[in-house]
C-alpha atoms as a PDB file:
ATOM      1  CA  MET A   1     -39.120   7.278  13.854  1.00  0.00           C
ATOM      2  CA  GLU A   2     -36.413   4.967  13.576  1.00  0.00           C
ATOM      3  CA  THR A   3     -32.960   6.271  12.164  1.00  0.00           C
ATOM      4  CA  LYS A   4     -31.453   4.399   9.622  1.00  0.00           C
ATOM      5  CA  ASN A   5     -27.616   3.277  10.139  1.00  0.00           C
ATOM      6  CA  LYS A   6     -25.019   4.548   8.490  1.00  0.00           C
ATOM      7  CA  THR A   7     -23.039   2.014   5.743  1.00  0.00           C
ATOM      8  CA  ALA A   8     -19.942   1.263   4.946  1.00  0.00           C
ATOM      9  CA  VAL A   9     -17.289  -0.752   3.193  1.00  0.00           C
ATOM     10  CA  ILE A  10     -14.147  -1.932   3.974  1.00  0.00           C
ATOM     11  CA  TYR A  11     -11.011  -2.406   1.593  1.00  0.00           C
ATOM     12  CA  ALA A  12      -8.073  -3.773   2.884  1.00  0.00           C
ATOM     13  CA  ARG A  13      -4.606  -4.852   0.858  1.00  0.00           C
ATOM     14  CA  VAL A  14      -1.125  -5.605   0.814  1.00  0.00           C
ATOM     15  CA  SER A  15       1.282  -5.566  -1.720  1.00  0.00           C
ATOM     16  CA  SER A  16       1.756  -9.690  -1.921  1.00  0.00           C
ATOM     17  CA  ASN A  17       0.718 -13.208  -0.731  1.00  0.00           C
ATOM     18  CA  ASN A  18       4.461 -13.272   0.350  1.00  0.00           C
ATOM     19  CA  ASP A  19       4.448 -10.589   2.642  1.00  0.00           C
ATOM     20  CA  ARG A  20       4.357 -10.992   6.371  1.00  0.00           C
ATOM     21  CA  GLN A  21       1.387  -9.046   7.203  1.00  0.00           C
ATOM     22  CA  ASP A  22      -2.018  -9.819   5.811  1.00  0.00           C
ATOM     23  CA  THR A  23      -5.024  -8.198   5.666  1.00  0.00           C
ATOM     24  CA  SER A  24      -6.752  -9.696   8.884  1.00  0.00           C
ATOM     25  CA  ARG A  25      -5.504  -6.825  11.204  1.00  0.00           C
ATOM     26  CA  GLN A  26      -6.411  -3.998   9.356  1.00  0.00           C
ATOM     27  CA  ILE A  27     -10.049  -5.675   9.069  1.00  0.00           C
ATOM     28  CA  LYS A  28     -10.079  -6.384  12.466  1.00  0.00           C
ATOM     29  CA  ASP A  29      -9.229  -2.629  13.585  1.00  0.00           C
ATOM     30  CA  LEU A  30     -11.504  -1.092  11.361  1.00  0.00           C
ATOM     31  CA  GLU A  31     -14.535  -3.603  12.137  1.00  0.00           C
ATOM     32  CA  ASN A  32     -13.704  -2.106  15.989  1.00  0.00           C
ATOM     33  CA  TYR A  33     -14.125   1.275  14.931  1.00  0.00           C
ATOM     34  CA  ALA A  34     -17.421   0.885  12.821  1.00  0.00           C
ATOM     35  CA  LYS A  35     -18.876  -0.608  15.684  1.00  0.00           C
ATOM     36  CA  SER A  36     -17.841   2.188  17.908  1.00  0.00           C
ATOM     37  CA  GLN A  37     -19.167   4.321  15.496  1.00  0.00           C
ATOM     38  CA  ASN A  38     -22.773   2.380  15.188  1.00  0.00           C
ATOM     39  CA  ILE A  39     -22.105   1.880  11.397  1.00  0.00           C
ATOM     40  CA  GLU A  40     -22.929  -0.985   9.498  1.00  0.00           C
ATOM     41  CA  ILE A  41     -20.199  -2.716   7.475  1.00  0.00           C
ATOM     42  CA  VAL A  42     -22.071  -3.992   4.372  1.00  0.00           C
ATOM     43  CA  ASN A  43     -18.984  -5.744   2.681  1.00  0.00           C
ATOM     44  CA  ILE A  44     -15.188  -6.223   3.053  1.00  0.00           C
ATOM     45  CA  TYR A  45     -13.241  -6.531  -0.120  1.00  0.00           C
ATOM     46  CA  GLU A  46      -9.204  -7.756   0.516  1.00  0.00           C
ATOM     47  CA  GLU A  47      -6.538  -7.889  -2.319  1.00  0.00           C
ATOM     48  CA  HIS A  48      -2.916  -9.009  -2.437  1.00  0.00           C
ATOM     49  CA  ILE A  49      -1.262  -6.791  -5.117  1.00  0.00           C
ATOM     50  CA  SER A  50       1.115  -3.696  -5.709  1.00  0.00           C
ATOM     51  CA  GLY A  51      -0.468  -0.448  -4.734  1.00  0.00           C
ATOM     52  CA  ALA A  52       1.631   0.746  -7.336  1.00  0.00           C
ATOM     53  CA  LYS A  53      -0.923  -1.246 -10.127  1.00  0.00           C
ATOM     54  CA  LYS A  54      -3.008   1.229 -12.148  1.00  0.00           C
ATOM     55  CA  ILE A  55      -6.949   1.094 -11.443  1.00  0.00           C
ATOM     56  CA  GLU A  56      -7.591  -0.880 -14.239  1.00  0.00           C
ATOM     57  CA  GLU A  57      -4.869  -3.750 -13.253  1.00  0.00           C
ATOM     58  CA  ARG A  58      -6.409  -3.946  -9.644  1.00  0.00           C
ATOM     59  CA  GLN A  59      -9.819  -5.884 -10.226  1.00  0.00           C
ATOM     60  CA  ILE A  60     -10.599  -5.868  -6.619  1.00  0.00           C
ATOM     61  CA  LEU A  61     -10.082  -2.448  -5.809  1.00  0.00           C
ATOM     62  CA  GLY A  62     -12.510  -1.613  -9.135  1.00  0.00           C
ATOM     63  CA  GLU A  63     -15.152  -3.936  -7.914  1.00  0.00           C
ATOM     64  CA  CYS A  64     -15.028  -2.141  -4.345  1.00  0.00           C
ATOM     65  CA  LEU A  65     -15.794   0.952  -6.111  1.00  0.00           C
ATOM     66  CA  GLU A  66     -18.120   0.313  -7.991  1.00  0.00           C
ATOM     67  CA  TYR A  67     -20.094  -1.726  -5.897  1.00  0.00           C
ATOM     68  CA  CYS A  68     -19.740   1.905  -3.292  1.00  0.00           C
ATOM     69  CA  LYS A  69     -21.317   3.480  -5.779  1.00  0.00           C
ATOM     70  CA  ARG A  70     -24.263   1.275  -6.949  1.00  0.00           C
ATOM     71  CA  GLU A  71     -25.183   0.878  -3.411  1.00  0.00           C
ATOM     72  CA  SER A  72     -24.715   4.317  -2.379  1.00  0.00           C
ATOM     73  CA  VAL A  73     -22.906   3.200   1.052  1.00  0.00           C
ATOM     74  CA  ASN A  74     -21.687   6.152   3.380  1.00  0.00           C
ATOM     75  CA  PHE A  75     -18.342   5.248   4.116  1.00  0.00           C
ATOM     76  CA  LEU A  76     -15.240   3.232   2.455  1.00  0.00           C
ATOM     77  CA  LEU A  77     -12.725   2.775   5.476  1.00  0.00           C
ATOM     78  CA  LEU A  78      -9.085   2.596   4.946  1.00  0.00           C
ATOM     79  CA  SER A  79      -6.299   1.387   7.355  1.00  0.00           C
ATOM     80  CA  GLU A  80      -4.037   4.090   5.715  1.00  0.00           C
ATOM     81  CA  LEU A  81      -4.136   6.435   2.397  1.00  0.00           C
ATOM     82  CA  SER A  82      -1.277   3.857   0.957  1.00  0.00           C
ATOM     83  CA  ARG A  83      -3.996   1.261   0.747  1.00  0.00           C
ATOM     84  CA  LEU A  84      -5.728   2.975  -2.428  1.00  0.00           C
ATOM     85  CA  GLY A  85      -2.583   3.295  -4.210  1.00  0.00           C
ATOM     86  CA  ARG A  86       0.904   4.814  -4.104  1.00  0.00           C
ATOM     87  CA  SER A  87       0.301   6.874  -7.150  1.00  0.00           C
ATOM     88  CA  THR A  88      -0.744  10.697  -6.220  1.00  0.00           C
ATOM     89  CA  LEU A  89      -3.030  10.554  -9.587  1.00  0.00           C
ATOM     90  CA  GLN A  90      -4.427   7.128  -8.766  1.00  0.00           C
ATOM     91  CA  VAL A  91      -5.497   8.407  -5.491  1.00  0.00           C
ATOM     92  CA  LEU A  92      -7.290  11.303  -6.767  1.00  0.00           C
ATOM     93  CA  ARG A  93      -8.941   9.411  -9.191  1.00  0.00           C
ATOM     94  CA  SER A  94     -10.296   6.966  -6.850  1.00  0.00           C
ATOM     95  CA  LEU A  95     -11.545   9.462  -4.412  1.00  0.00           C
ATOM     96  CA  GLU A  96     -13.254  11.504  -7.267  1.00  0.00           C
ATOM     97  CA  MET A  97     -15.282   8.374  -8.432  1.00  0.00           C
ATOM     98  CA  LEU A  98     -16.165   8.304  -4.472  1.00  0.00           C
ATOM     99  CA  HIS A  99     -16.952  11.805  -3.968  1.00  0.00           C
ATOM    100  CA  GLU A 100     -19.164  12.484  -7.029  1.00  0.00           C
ATOM    101  CA  SER A 101     -21.351   9.632  -5.496  1.00  0.00           C
ATOM    102  CA  LYS A 102     -21.242  11.432  -1.879  1.00  0.00           C
ATOM    103  CA  VAL A 103     -19.181   8.469  -0.674  1.00  0.00           C
ATOM    104  CA  SER A 104     -17.150   9.760   2.332  1.00  0.00           C
ATOM    105  CA  VAL A 105     -13.755   8.115   2.368  1.00  0.00           C
ATOM    106  CA  TYR A 106     -12.239   7.157   6.080  1.00  0.00           C
ATOM    107  CA  ILE A 107      -8.543   7.079   6.604  1.00  0.00           C
ATOM    108  CA  GLN A 108      -7.695   5.234  10.041  1.00  0.00           C
ATOM    109  CA  ASN A 109      -4.255   6.273  10.898  1.00  0.00           C
ATOM    110  CA  LEU A 110      -5.187   9.850   9.726  1.00  0.00           C
ATOM    111  CA  GLY A 111      -8.542   9.902  11.696  1.00  0.00           C
ATOM    112  CA  LEU A 112      -9.836  12.182   8.821  1.00  0.00           C
ATOM    113  CA  TYR A 113     -13.059  11.618   6.160  1.00  0.00           C
ATOM    114  CA  THR A 114     -12.737  12.973   3.015  1.00  0.00           C
ATOM    115  CA  LEU A 115     -16.524  14.500   3.225  1.00  0.00           C
ATOM    116  CA  GLN A 116     -17.853  16.697   5.523  1.00  0.00           C
ATOM    117  CA  PRO A 117     -21.269  15.643   7.140  1.00  0.00           C
ATOM    118  CA  ASN A 118     -22.921  18.136   4.593  1.00  0.00           C
ATOM    119  CA  GLY A 119     -21.085  16.182   1.636  1.00  0.00           C
ATOM    120  CA  GLU A 120     -18.586  18.710   0.831  1.00  0.00           C
ATOM    121  CA  VAL A 121     -15.136  17.938   0.266  1.00  0.00           C
ATOM    122  CA  ASN A 122     -13.325  18.351   3.806  1.00  0.00           C
ATOM    123  CA  PRO A 123     -10.441  20.801   3.111  1.00  0.00           C
ATOM    124  CA  ILE A 124      -8.295  19.504   5.597  1.00  0.00           C
ATOM    125  CA  ALA A 125      -8.279  16.571   4.209  1.00  0.00           C
ATOM    126  CA  SER A 126      -7.856  17.184   0.859  1.00  0.00           C
ATOM    127  CA  ILE A 127      -4.502  18.799   1.661  1.00  0.00           C
ATOM    128  CA  MET A 128      -3.456  16.151   3.953  1.00  0.00           C
ATOM    129  CA  VAL A 129      -4.727  13.237   1.093  1.00  0.00           C
ATOM    130  CA  THR A 130      -2.444  15.329  -1.548  1.00  0.00           C
ATOM    131  CA  VAL A 131       0.526  15.896   0.466  1.00  0.00           C
ATOM    132  CA  LEU A 132       1.014  12.406   1.755  1.00  0.00           C
ATOM    133  CA  ALA A 133       0.266  10.754  -1.422  1.00  0.00           C
ATOM    134  CA  GLU A 134       2.748  12.814  -3.476  1.00  0.00           C
ATOM    135  CA  MET A 135       5.193  12.100  -0.766  1.00  0.00           C
ATOM    136  CA  ALA A 136       4.765   8.715  -1.137  1.00  0.00           C
ATOM    137  CA  ASN A 137       5.349   8.873  -5.113  1.00  0.00           C
ATOM    138  CA  ILE A 138       8.317  10.886  -4.305  1.00  0.00           C
ATOM    139  CA  GLU A 139       9.717   8.625  -2.138  1.00  0.00           C
ATOM    140  CA  ARG A 140       9.123   5.541  -4.459  1.00  0.00           C
ATOM    141  CA  SER A 141      10.994   7.399  -7.167  1.00  0.00           C
ATOM    142  CA  ASN A 142      13.800   8.247  -5.289  1.00  0.00           C
ATOM    143  CA  ILE A 143      14.251   4.533  -4.062  1.00  0.00           C
ATOM    144  CA  GLN A 144      14.080   3.280  -7.420  1.00  0.00           C
ATOM    145  CA  TYR A 145      16.813   5.938  -8.724  1.00  0.00           C
ATOM    146  CA  ARG A 146      18.731   5.554  -5.997  1.00  0.00           C
ATOM    147  CA  LEU A 147      18.625   1.198  -6.509  1.00  0.00           C
ATOM    148  CA  ASN A 148      19.385   1.772 -10.281  1.00  0.00           C
ATOM    149  CA  SER A 149      22.040   4.754  -9.799  1.00  0.00           C
ATOM    150  CA  GLY A 150      23.929   2.398  -7.646  1.00  0.00           C
ATOM    151  CA  ARG A 151      23.825  -0.581  -9.521  1.00  0.00           C
ATOM    152  CA  ALA A 152      24.990   1.118 -12.605  1.00  0.00           C
ATOM    153  CA  ASN A 153      28.123   2.646 -10.462  1.00  0.00           C
ATOM    154  CA  TYR A 154      28.920  -0.838  -9.501  1.00  0.00           C
ATOM    155  CA  ILE A 155      28.979  -2.422 -12.710  1.00  0.00           C
ATOM    156  CA  SER A 156      30.912   0.636 -14.132  1.00  0.00           C
ATOM    157  CA  ASN A 157      33.354  -0.020 -11.582  1.00  0.00           C
ATOM    158  CA  GLY A 158      34.019  -3.505 -12.407  1.00  0.00           C
ATOM    159  CA  GLY A 159      31.407  -5.059 -10.472  1.00  0.00           C
ATOM    160  CA  LYS A 160      29.816  -8.225 -11.460  1.00  0.00           C
ATOM    161  CA  LEU A 161      25.760  -8.695 -10.469  1.00  0.00           C
ATOM    162  CA  GLY A 162      25.041 -12.021  -8.868  1.00  0.00           C
ATOM    163  CA  ARG A 163      27.488 -14.624  -7.040  1.00  0.00           C
ATOM    164  CA  LYS A 164      30.323 -16.153  -8.428  1.00  0.00           C
ATOM    165  CA  THR A 165      30.550 -20.353  -8.544  1.00  0.00           C
ATOM    166  CA  GLY A 166      31.744 -21.597  -5.264  1.00  0.00           C
ATOM    167  CA  SER A 167      32.037 -18.154  -3.515  1.00  0.00           C
ATOM    168  CA  THR A 168      30.095 -17.956   0.095  1.00  0.00           C
ATOM    169  CA  LYS A 169      29.521 -14.558   2.010  1.00  0.00           C
ATOM    170  CA  THR A 170      30.131 -13.547   5.791  1.00  0.00           C
ATOM    171  CA  GLU A 171      26.827 -12.296   7.176  1.00  0.00           C
ATOM    172  CA  GLU A 172      28.021  -8.975   7.738  1.00  0.00           C
ATOM    173  CA  LYS A 173      28.964  -8.769   3.882  1.00  0.00           C
ATOM    174  CA  LYS A 174      25.875  -9.760   2.868  1.00  0.00           C
ATOM    175  CA  LYS A 175      24.137  -7.177   5.337  1.00  0.00           C
ATOM    176  CA  GLU A 176      26.310  -4.255   3.186  1.00  0.00           C
ATOM    177  CA  GLU A 177      25.475  -5.848   0.031  1.00  0.00           C
ATOM    178  CA  TYR A 178      21.460  -6.627   0.534  1.00  0.00           C
ATOM    179  CA  LYS A 179      21.026  -2.985   2.539  1.00  0.00           C
ATOM    180  CA  ASP A 180      19.051  -1.472   0.375  1.00  0.00           C
ATOM    181  CA  THR A 181      17.047  -4.955  -0.186  1.00  0.00           C
ATOM    182  CA  ILE A 182      16.307  -5.098   3.786  1.00  0.00           C
ATOM    183  CA  ALA A 183      15.689  -1.417   3.948  1.00  0.00           C
ATOM    184  CA  LEU A 184      13.048  -2.086   1.709  1.00  0.00           C
ATOM    185  CA  LEU A 185      11.379  -5.365   3.509  1.00  0.00           C
ATOM    186  CA  LYS A 186      11.383  -3.336   6.530  1.00  0.00           C
ATOM    187  CA  LYS A 187       9.260  -0.626   4.649  1.00  0.00           C
ATOM    188  CA  GLY A 188       6.604  -3.345   4.051  1.00  0.00           C
ATOM    189  CA  TYR A 189       7.277  -3.471  -0.109  1.00  0.00           C
ATOM    190  CA  SER A 190       6.919  -6.909  -1.551  1.00  0.00           C
ATOM    191  CA  VAL A 191       9.222  -9.413  -2.325  1.00  0.00           C
ATOM    192  CA  ARG A 192       8.286  -9.126  -6.162  1.00  0.00           C
ATOM    193  CA  ASN A 193       8.481  -5.666  -6.537  1.00  0.00           C
ATOM    194  CA  ILE A 194      11.696  -5.670  -4.521  1.00  0.00           C
ATOM    195  CA  ALA A 195      13.119  -8.020  -7.532  1.00  0.00           C
ATOM    196  CA  LYS A 196      11.888  -6.013  -9.984  1.00  0.00           C
ATOM    197  CA  LEU A 197      13.379  -2.971  -8.419  1.00  0.00           C
ATOM    198  CA  GLN A 198      16.716  -4.008  -8.036  1.00  0.00           C
ATOM    199  CA  GLY A 199      17.232  -6.471 -10.729  1.00  0.00           C
ATOM    200  CA  ILE A 200      17.934  -9.945  -8.634  1.00  0.00           C
ATOM    201  CA  GLY A 201      16.002 -12.988  -8.332  1.00  0.00           C
ATOM    202  CA  ILE A 202      12.670 -13.409  -6.027  1.00  0.00           C
ATOM    203  CA  SER A 203      14.494 -16.171  -4.668  1.00  0.00           C
ATOM    204  CA  THR A 204      17.385 -14.218  -3.660  1.00  0.00           C
ATOM    205  CA  VAL A 205      14.960 -11.310  -1.995  1.00  0.00           C
ATOM    206  CA  GLN A 206      12.810 -14.225  -0.159  1.00  0.00           C
ATOM    207  CA  ARG A 207      16.114 -15.674   1.115  1.00  0.00           C
ATOM    208  CA  ILE A 208      17.476 -12.512   2.604  1.00  0.00           C
ATOM    209  CA  LYS A 209      14.253 -11.691   4.283  1.00  0.00           C
ATOM    210  CA  ASN A 210      14.463 -15.156   5.942  1.00  0.00           C
ATOM    211  CA  GLN A 211      17.691 -14.514   7.107  1.00  0.00           C
ATOM    212  CA  PHE A 212      17.782 -10.931   8.346  1.00  0.00           C
ATOM    213  CA  LEU A 213      13.571 -10.235   9.141  1.00  0.00           C
ATOM    214  CA  SER A 214      12.630 -13.655  10.202  1.00  0.00           C
ATOM    215  CA  ASP A 215      12.693 -13.418  13.709  1.00  0.00           C
ATOM    216  CA  LYS A 216      12.126  -9.186  13.831  1.00  0.00           C
END
């Protein structure tokens, strides 16, 4: 008797089109994994949007979740948990929707499936997913708090945002002034999100990215 192949959908996301990384590496790694497990990939979804957006604002993710449920696929393959979102509530909502249809999520960097072979929720995966999603959420909140606090303190001490007309800055001074921007770029945050978090122009963030990270 012929055994029916397990089926899966790949979902890959980066924060924006401005990111140096793209979705191709995520997709390739997940395709290789699926092949090694004799899992048939039936669809691939790619999205360029911030993980902080609500599910309702992420059209491609919504289409992906609906497809998984409608077509009764076995697995949704992700390179890492943050691809689903950075909000703990949003991540858990997505997982709940999938689990109701017996779709198991495979998180490649953790090597975990969220459902066990019998269709029950994997308790280890459940704990890890909740903790990691909450840690990512806290980190994002802390970064925003530090940026806002530092900016407010700078202004209260007489500092002015933006560059003075005709002024020039040494590379070291730029590194010091934009150290938070550089740190966020290294963490993979999008140019647009960093600009919003720090209250500076997108062109400024892009200029810093080109100057200090283009060769990294």
